[in-house]
Amino acid sequence: MNSEITKYLQELKKYLRRLDDSEIKDIEDFYIEYLEDAGVQTRAEIEEKVGTPRQLSLRILADYSLKDDGKESGGILPKTNIKTAWLIILALLATPATLIIGVALLGVLVAAIGVAFAVAVTIIALAGAAIFITLTSLYVGIFLLFTKLGVGLFYLGIGIIGIGALMVILPIIYLIIVTVVKMVANFIRYIYRRFNKKEVR
């Protein structure tokens, strides 16, 4: 095997440490065959064909991340969605030809995270206020049961309603945030897959 190909693949493997040894071996075997069939001899020719080791590693990691998503049974966690979207964006940013797409998708991801963060902060503030009001109502209600039964029951009722409302509303809001993150991640995956199909053609 060409020494330049060997050096290139050794450098590539350093960027792929998060993958299993068997996966790295499969990647190495594939690119050995691919580059030898392409007849490249110099480092410049290799990088012209597949990009720098860093660029190629980002594309590989993005592809593997998409494959892992496909293996997941059930819903994918928001953290996984964000990680996959981030790897895809890095892969697009690493190549001059897709830099503009990467920047645009990065803006979409940052905006989505910003909205999710703002919503989360609002939810925490509202939940905190609701919990305070609920606990206060329960405390006042229990205290007044022994002096003013009707008023005490009224406040206890408010407290119980508050607990029920929190149990219903918080999961719904969480589901909305998860859905928004998933939609953004799926959009980024869709753009990346479309781009890969065009590259293959």
C-alpha atoms as a PDB file:
ATOM      1  CA  MET A   1       0.000   0.000   0.000  1.00  0.00           C
ATOM      2  CA  ASN A   2       1.147   3.528  -0.807  1.00  0.00           C
ATOM      3  CA  SER A   3       2.926   5.151   2.169  1.00  0.00           C
ATOM      4  CA  GLU A   4       0.925   8.368   1.707  1.00  0.00           C
ATOM      5  CA  ILE A   5      -2.323   6.407   1.987  1.00  0.00           C
ATOM      6  CA  THR A   6      -1.000   4.715   5.130  1.00  0.00           C
ATOM      7  CA  LYS A   7      -0.117   8.051   6.744  1.00  0.00           C
ATOM      8  CA  TYR A   8      -3.453   9.542   5.744  1.00  0.00           C
ATOM      9  CA  LEU A   9      -5.431   6.642   7.240  1.00  0.00           C
ATOM     10  CA  GLN A  10      -3.384   6.689  10.443  1.00  0.00           C
ATOM     11  CA  GLU A  11      -4.288  10.351  10.864  1.00  0.00           C
ATOM     12  CA  LEU A  12      -7.913   9.636   9.990  1.00  0.00           C
ATOM     13  CA  LYS A  13      -8.182   6.962  12.696  1.00  0.00           C
ATOM     14  CA  LYS A  14      -7.161   9.490  15.359  1.00  0.00           C
ATOM     15  CA  TYR A  15     -10.354  11.428  14.628  1.00  0.00           C
ATOM     16  CA  LEU A  16     -12.532   8.297  14.748  1.00  0.00           C
ATOM     17  CA  ARG A  17     -11.762   7.160  18.298  1.00  0.00           C
ATOM     18  CA  ARG A  18     -15.394   7.417  19.375  1.00  0.00           C
ATOM     19  CA  LEU A  19     -16.228   4.531  17.024  1.00  0.00           C
ATOM     20  CA  ASP A  20     -15.703   0.853  17.830  1.00  0.00           C
ATOM     21  CA  ASP A  21     -12.464  -0.833  16.721  1.00  0.00           C
ATOM     22  CA  SER A  22     -14.417  -3.058  14.317  1.00  0.00           C
ATOM     23  CA  GLU A  23     -16.067  -0.018  12.719  1.00  0.00           C
ATOM     24  CA  ILE A  24     -12.724   1.758  12.347  1.00  0.00           C
ATOM     25  CA  LYS A  25     -11.258  -1.385  10.761  1.00  0.00           C
ATOM     26  CA  ASP A  26     -14.139  -1.547   8.259  1.00  0.00           C
ATOM     27  CA  ILE A  27     -13.631   2.139   7.388  1.00  0.00           C
ATOM     28  CA  GLU A  28      -9.886   1.643   6.977  1.00  0.00           C
ATOM     29  CA  ASP A  29     -10.372  -1.387   4.695  1.00  0.00           C
ATOM     30  CA  PHE A  30     -12.931   0.485   2.617  1.00  0.00           C
ATOM     31  CA  TYR A  31     -10.730   3.550   2.052  1.00  0.00           C
ATOM     32  CA  ILE A  32      -7.618   1.476   1.365  1.00  0.00           C
ATOM     33  CA  GLU A  33      -9.466  -0.232  -1.464  1.00  0.00           C
ATOM     34  CA  TYR A  34     -11.142   2.996  -2.605  1.00  0.00           C
ATOM     35  CA  LEU A  35      -7.933   5.044  -2.748  1.00  0.00           C
ATOM     36  CA  GLU A  36      -5.885   2.263  -4.347  1.00  0.00           C
ATOM     37  CA  ASP A  37      -8.553   1.795  -7.038  1.00  0.00           C
ATOM     38  CA  ALA A  38      -8.512   5.570  -7.590  1.00  0.00           C
ATOM     39  CA  GLY A  39      -4.775   5.349  -8.272  1.00  0.00           C
ATOM     40  CA  VAL A  40      -3.838   8.294  -6.055  1.00  0.00           C
ATOM     41  CA  GLN A  41      -0.154   8.650  -5.152  1.00  0.00           C
ATOM     42  CA  THR A  42       0.369  11.913  -3.249  1.00  0.00           C
ATOM     43  CA  ARG A  43      -1.252  13.503  -0.226  1.00  0.00           C
ATOM     44  CA  ALA A  44      -2.652  16.276  -2.423  1.00  0.00           C
ATOM     45  CA  GLU A  45      -4.338  13.720  -4.687  1.00  0.00           C
ATOM     46  CA  ILE A  46      -5.803  11.895  -1.689  1.00  0.00           C
ATOM     47  CA  GLU A  47      -7.212  15.097  -0.200  1.00  0.00           C
ATOM     48  CA  GLU A  48      -8.576  16.179  -3.552  1.00  0.00           C
ATOM     49  CA  LYS A  49     -10.436  12.867  -3.713  1.00  0.00           C
ATOM     50  CA  VAL A  50     -11.797  12.550  -0.154  1.00  0.00           C
ATOM     51  CA  GLY A  51     -10.806  15.736   1.690  1.00  0.00           C
ATOM     52  CA  THR A  52      -8.480  16.138   4.657  1.00  0.00           C
ATOM     53  CA  PRO A  53      -8.575  13.490   7.428  1.00  0.00           C
ATOM     54  CA  ARG A  54     -10.518  15.906   9.620  1.00  0.00           C
ATOM     55  CA  GLN A  55     -13.088  16.639   6.907  1.00  0.00           C
ATOM     56  CA  LEU A  56     -13.519  12.961   6.059  1.00  0.00           C
ATOM     57  CA  SER A  57     -13.815  11.986   9.731  1.00  0.00           C
ATOM     58  CA  LEU A  58     -16.645  14.477  10.259  1.00  0.00           C
ATOM     59  CA  ARG A  59     -18.556  13.063   7.288  1.00  0.00           C
ATOM     60  CA  ILE A  60     -17.998   9.511   8.544  1.00  0.00           C
ATOM     61  CA  LEU A  61     -19.123  10.366  12.075  1.00  0.00           C
ATOM     62  CA  ALA A  62     -22.219  12.119  10.718  1.00  0.00           C
ATOM     63  CA  ASP A  63     -23.068   9.056   8.597  1.00  0.00           C
ATOM     64  CA  TYR A  64     -22.582   6.686  11.544  1.00  0.00           C
ATOM     65  CA  SER A  65     -24.686   8.935  13.724  1.00  0.00           C
ATOM     66  CA  LEU A  66     -27.522   8.700  11.193  1.00  0.00           C
ATOM     67  CA  LYS A  67     -27.163   4.893  11.112  1.00  0.00           C
ATOM     68  CA  ASP A  68     -27.336   4.753  14.916  1.00  0.00           C
ATOM     69  CA  ASP A  69     -30.517   6.838  14.817  1.00  0.00           C
ATOM     70  CA  GLY A  70     -32.050   4.255  12.524  1.00  0.00           C
ATOM     71  CA  LYS A  71     -31.262   1.464  14.990  1.00  0.00           C
ATOM     72  CA  GLU A  72     -33.005   3.241  17.877  1.00  0.00           C
ATOM     73  CA  SER A  73     -36.329   1.732  18.857  1.00  0.00           C
ATOM     74  CA  GLY A  74     -38.900   4.261  20.011  1.00  0.00           C
ATOM     75  CA  GLY A  75     -38.275   7.986  20.373  1.00  0.00           C
ATOM     76  CA  ILE A  76     -34.795   9.426  20.230  1.00  0.00           C
ATOM     77  CA  LEU A  77     -33.735  11.563  23.165  1.00  0.00           C
ATOM     78  CA  PRO A  78     -33.351  15.327  22.619  1.00  0.00           C
ATOM     79  CA  LYS A  79     -29.651  15.023  23.540  1.00  0.00           C
ATOM     80  CA  THR A  80     -29.146  12.415  20.794  1.00  0.00           C
ATOM     81  CA  ASN A  81     -30.993  14.584  18.269  1.00  0.00           C
ATOM     82  CA  ILE A  82     -28.845  17.618  19.074  1.00  0.00           C
ATOM     83  CA  LYS A  83     -25.629  15.566  18.948  1.00  0.00           C
ATOM     84  CA  THR A  84     -26.540  14.120  15.544  1.00  0.00           C
ATOM     85  CA  ALA A  85     -27.510  17.539  14.175  1.00  0.00           C
ATOM     86  CA  TRP A  86     -24.237  19.024  15.466  1.00  0.00           C
ATOM     87  CA  LEU A  87     -22.126  16.300  13.805  1.00  0.00           C
ATOM     88  CA  ILE A  88     -23.939  16.842  10.505  1.00  0.00           C
ATOM     89  CA  ILE A  89     -23.407  20.606  10.674  1.00  0.00           C
ATOM     90  CA  LEU A  90     -19.692  20.147  11.452  1.00  0.00           C
ATOM     91  CA  ALA A  91     -19.396  17.806   8.473  1.00  0.00           C
ATOM     92  CA  LEU A  92     -20.997  20.413   6.202  1.00  0.00           C
ATOM     93  CA  LEU A  93     -18.904  23.263   7.629  1.00  0.00           C
ATOM     94  CA  ALA A  94     -15.697  21.289   7.061  1.00  0.00           C
ATOM     95  CA  THR A  95     -16.133  21.291   3.277  1.00  0.00           C
ATOM     96  CA  PRO A  96     -15.948  24.575   1.306  1.00  0.00           C
ATOM     97  CA  ALA A  97     -18.602  23.358  -1.142  1.00  0.00           C
ATOM     98  CA  THR A  98     -21.147  22.904   1.660  1.00  0.00           C
ATOM     99  CA  LEU A  99     -20.019  25.736   3.939  1.00  0.00           C
ATOM    100  CA  ILE A 100     -23.038  27.939   3.178  1.00  0.00           C
ATOM    101  CA  ILE A 101     -25.448  25.058   3.882  1.00  0.00           C
ATOM    102  CA  GLY A 102     -23.616  24.318   7.134  1.00  0.00           C
ATOM    103  CA  VAL A 103     -23.795  27.944   8.270  1.00  0.00           C
ATOM    104  CA  ALA A 104     -27.521  28.104   7.450  1.00  0.00           C
ATOM    105  CA  LEU A 105     -28.248  24.885   9.357  1.00  0.00           C
ATOM    106  CA  LEU A 106     -26.093  26.067  12.248  1.00  0.00           C
ATOM    107  CA  GLY A 107     -28.274  29.167  12.427  1.00  0.00           C
ATOM    108  CA  VAL A 108     -31.399  26.988  12.455  1.00  0.00           C
ATOM    109  CA  LEU A 109     -29.984  24.801  15.244  1.00  0.00           C
ATOM    110  CA  VAL A 110     -28.864  27.767  17.355  1.00  0.00           C
ATOM    111  CA  ALA A 111     -32.263  29.434  16.915  1.00  0.00           C
ATOM    112  CA  ALA A 112     -34.062  26.217  17.896  1.00  0.00           C
ATOM    113  CA  ILE A 113     -31.873  25.752  20.975  1.00  0.00           C
ATOM    114  CA  GLY A 114     -32.408  29.414  21.880  1.00  0.00           C
ATOM    115  CA  VAL A 115     -36.188  29.056  21.616  1.00  0.00           C
ATOM    116  CA  ALA A 116     -36.112  25.792  23.587  1.00  0.00           C
ATOM    117  CA  PHE A 117     -33.961  27.442  26.278  1.00  0.00           C
ATOM    118  CA  ALA A 118     -36.278  30.463  26.516  1.00  0.00           C
ATOM    119  CA  VAL A 119     -39.296  28.180  26.765  1.00  0.00           C
ATOM    120  CA  ALA A 120     -37.541  26.061  29.404  1.00  0.00           C
ATOM    121  CA  VAL A 121     -36.689  29.143  31.501  1.00  0.00           C
ATOM    122  CA  THR A 122     -40.268  30.375  31.231  1.00  0.00           C
ATOM    123  CA  ILE A 123     -41.594  26.959  32.204  1.00  0.00           C
ATOM    124  CA  ILE A 124     -39.277  26.755  35.210  1.00  0.00           C
ATOM    125  CA  ALA A 125     -40.363  30.226  36.357  1.00  0.00           C
ATOM    126  CA  LEU A 126     -44.067  29.440  35.901  1.00  0.00           C
ATOM    127  CA  ALA A 127     -43.685  26.013  37.479  1.00  0.00           C
ATOM    128  CA  GLY A 128     -41.868  27.568  40.431  1.00  0.00           C
ATOM    129  CA  ALA A 129     -44.638  30.111  40.913  1.00  0.00           C
ATOM    130  CA  ALA A 130     -47.315  27.425  40.538  1.00  0.00           C
ATOM    131  CA  ILE A 131     -45.575  25.157  43.053  1.00  0.00           C
ATOM    132  CA  PHE A 132     -45.265  28.041  45.521  1.00  0.00           C
ATOM    133  CA  ILE A 133     -48.947  28.955  45.152  1.00  0.00           C
ATOM    134  CA  THR A 134     -49.960  25.286  45.437  1.00  0.00           C
ATOM    135  CA  LEU A 135     -47.910  24.662  48.586  1.00  0.00           C
ATOM    136  CA  THR A 136     -49.099  27.934  50.121  1.00  0.00           C
ATOM    137  CA  SER A 137     -52.726  27.058  49.383  1.00  0.00           C
ATOM    138  CA  LEU A 138     -52.313  23.612  50.916  1.00  0.00           C
ATOM    139  CA  TYR A 139     -50.643  25.035  54.014  1.00  0.00           C
ATOM    140  CA  VAL A 140     -53.266  27.764  54.475  1.00  0.00           C
ATOM    141  CA  GLY A 141     -56.066  25.286  53.753  1.00  0.00           C
ATOM    142  CA  ILE A 142     -54.872  22.782  56.368  1.00  0.00           C
ATOM    143  CA  PHE A 143     -54.339  25.549  58.926  1.00  0.00           C
ATOM    144  CA  LEU A 144     -57.811  27.056  58.360  1.00  0.00           C
ATOM    145  CA  LEU A 145     -59.607  23.703  58.530  1.00  0.00           C
ATOM    146  CA  PHE A 146     -59.544  23.971  62.303  1.00  0.00           C
ATOM    147  CA  THR A 147     -60.838  27.548  62.451  1.00  0.00           C
ATOM    148  CA  LYS A 148     -62.822  28.257  59.261  1.00  0.00           C
ATOM    149  CA  LEU A 149     -63.814  24.983  57.611  1.00  0.00           C
ATOM    150  CA  GLY A 150     -65.287  26.478  54.428  1.00  0.00           C
ATOM    151  CA  VAL A 151     -62.293  28.726  53.712  1.00  0.00           C
ATOM    152  CA  GLY A 152     -59.893  25.934  54.557  1.00  0.00           C
ATOM    153  CA  LEU A 153     -61.579  23.551  52.115  1.00  0.00           C
ATOM    154  CA  PHE A 154     -61.498  26.271  49.466  1.00  0.00           C
ATOM    155  CA  TYR A 155     -57.734  26.691  49.779  1.00  0.00           C
ATOM    156  CA  LEU A 156     -57.181  22.936  49.918  1.00  0.00           C
ATOM    157  CA  GLY A 157     -59.181  22.642  46.707  1.00  0.00           C
ATOM    158  CA  ILE A 158     -56.984  25.255  45.032  1.00  0.00           C
ATOM    159  CA  GLY A 159     -53.884  23.378  46.163  1.00  0.00           C
ATOM    160  CA  ILE A 160     -55.164  20.038  44.854  1.00  0.00           C
ATOM    161  CA  ILE A 161     -56.176  21.623  41.531  1.00  0.00           C
ATOM    162  CA  GLY A 162     -52.696  23.158  41.297  1.00  0.00           C
ATOM    163  CA  ILE A 163     -51.045  19.751  41.808  1.00  0.00           C
ATOM    164  CA  GLY A 164     -53.286  18.197  39.154  1.00  0.00           C
ATOM    165  CA  ALA A 165     -52.590  21.035  36.710  1.00  0.00           C
ATOM    166  CA  LEU A 166     -48.823  20.676  37.176  1.00  0.00           C
ATOM    167  CA  MET A 167     -49.011  16.915  36.592  1.00  0.00           C
ATOM    168  CA  VAL A 168     -50.876  17.475  33.323  1.00  0.00           C
ATOM    169  CA  ILE A 169     -49.191  20.611  31.956  1.00  0.00           C
ATOM    170  CA  LEU A 170     -45.499  19.859  32.631  1.00  0.00           C
ATOM    171  CA  PRO A 171     -45.410  16.593  30.593  1.00  0.00           C
ATOM    172  CA  ILE A 172     -47.240  18.333  27.731  1.00  0.00           C
ATOM    173  CA  ILE A 173     -44.744  21.212  27.677  1.00  0.00           C
ATOM    174  CA  TYR A 174     -41.833  18.747  27.818  1.00  0.00           C
ATOM    175  CA  LEU A 175     -43.357  16.852  24.889  1.00  0.00           C
ATOM    176  CA  ILE A 176     -43.635  20.100  22.901  1.00  0.00           C
ATOM    177  CA  ILE A 177     -39.934  20.910  23.484  1.00  0.00           C
ATOM    178  CA  VAL A 178     -38.883  17.362  22.523  1.00  0.00           C
ATOM    179  CA  THR A 179     -41.031  17.540  19.376  1.00  0.00           C
ATOM    180  CA  VAL A 180     -39.530  20.882  18.296  1.00  0.00           C
ATOM    181  CA  VAL A 181     -35.967  19.609  18.817  1.00  0.00           C
ATOM    182  CA  LYS A 182     -36.801  16.402  16.929  1.00  0.00           C
ATOM    183  CA  MET A 183     -38.345  18.332  14.009  1.00  0.00           C
ATOM    184  CA  VAL A 184     -35.254  20.555  13.674  1.00  0.00           C
ATOM    185  CA  ALA A 185     -32.909  17.542  13.881  1.00  0.00           C
ATOM    186  CA  ASN A 186     -34.969  15.639  11.288  1.00  0.00           C
ATOM    187  CA  PHE A 187     -34.856  18.654   8.967  1.00  0.00           C
ATOM    188  CA  ILE A 188     -31.055  18.785   9.268  1.00  0.00           C
ATOM    189  CA  ARG A 189     -30.845  15.022   8.640  1.00  0.00           C
ATOM    190  CA  TYR A 190     -33.065  15.435   5.561  1.00  0.00           C
ATOM    191  CA  ILE A 191     -30.863  18.191   4.104  1.00  0.00           C
ATOM    192  CA  TYR A 192     -27.719  16.139   4.740  1.00  0.00           C
ATOM    193  CA  ARG A 193     -29.164  13.007   3.115  1.00  0.00           C
ATOM    194  CA  ARG A 194     -30.326  14.993   0.081  1.00  0.00           C
ATOM    195  CA  PHE A 195     -26.874  16.509  -0.275  1.00  0.00           C
ATOM    196  CA  ASN A 196     -25.219  13.074  -0.002  1.00  0.00           C
ATOM    197  CA  LYS A 197     -27.504  11.716  -2.721  1.00  0.00           C
ATOM    198  CA  LYS A 198     -26.520  14.600  -5.023  1.00  0.00           C
ATOM    199  CA  GLU A 199     -22.841  13.934  -4.295  1.00  0.00           C
ATOM    200  CA  VAL A 200     -23.240  10.256  -5.205  1.00  0.00           C
ATOM    201  CA  ARG A 201     -24.907  11.200  -8.508  1.00  0.00           C
END
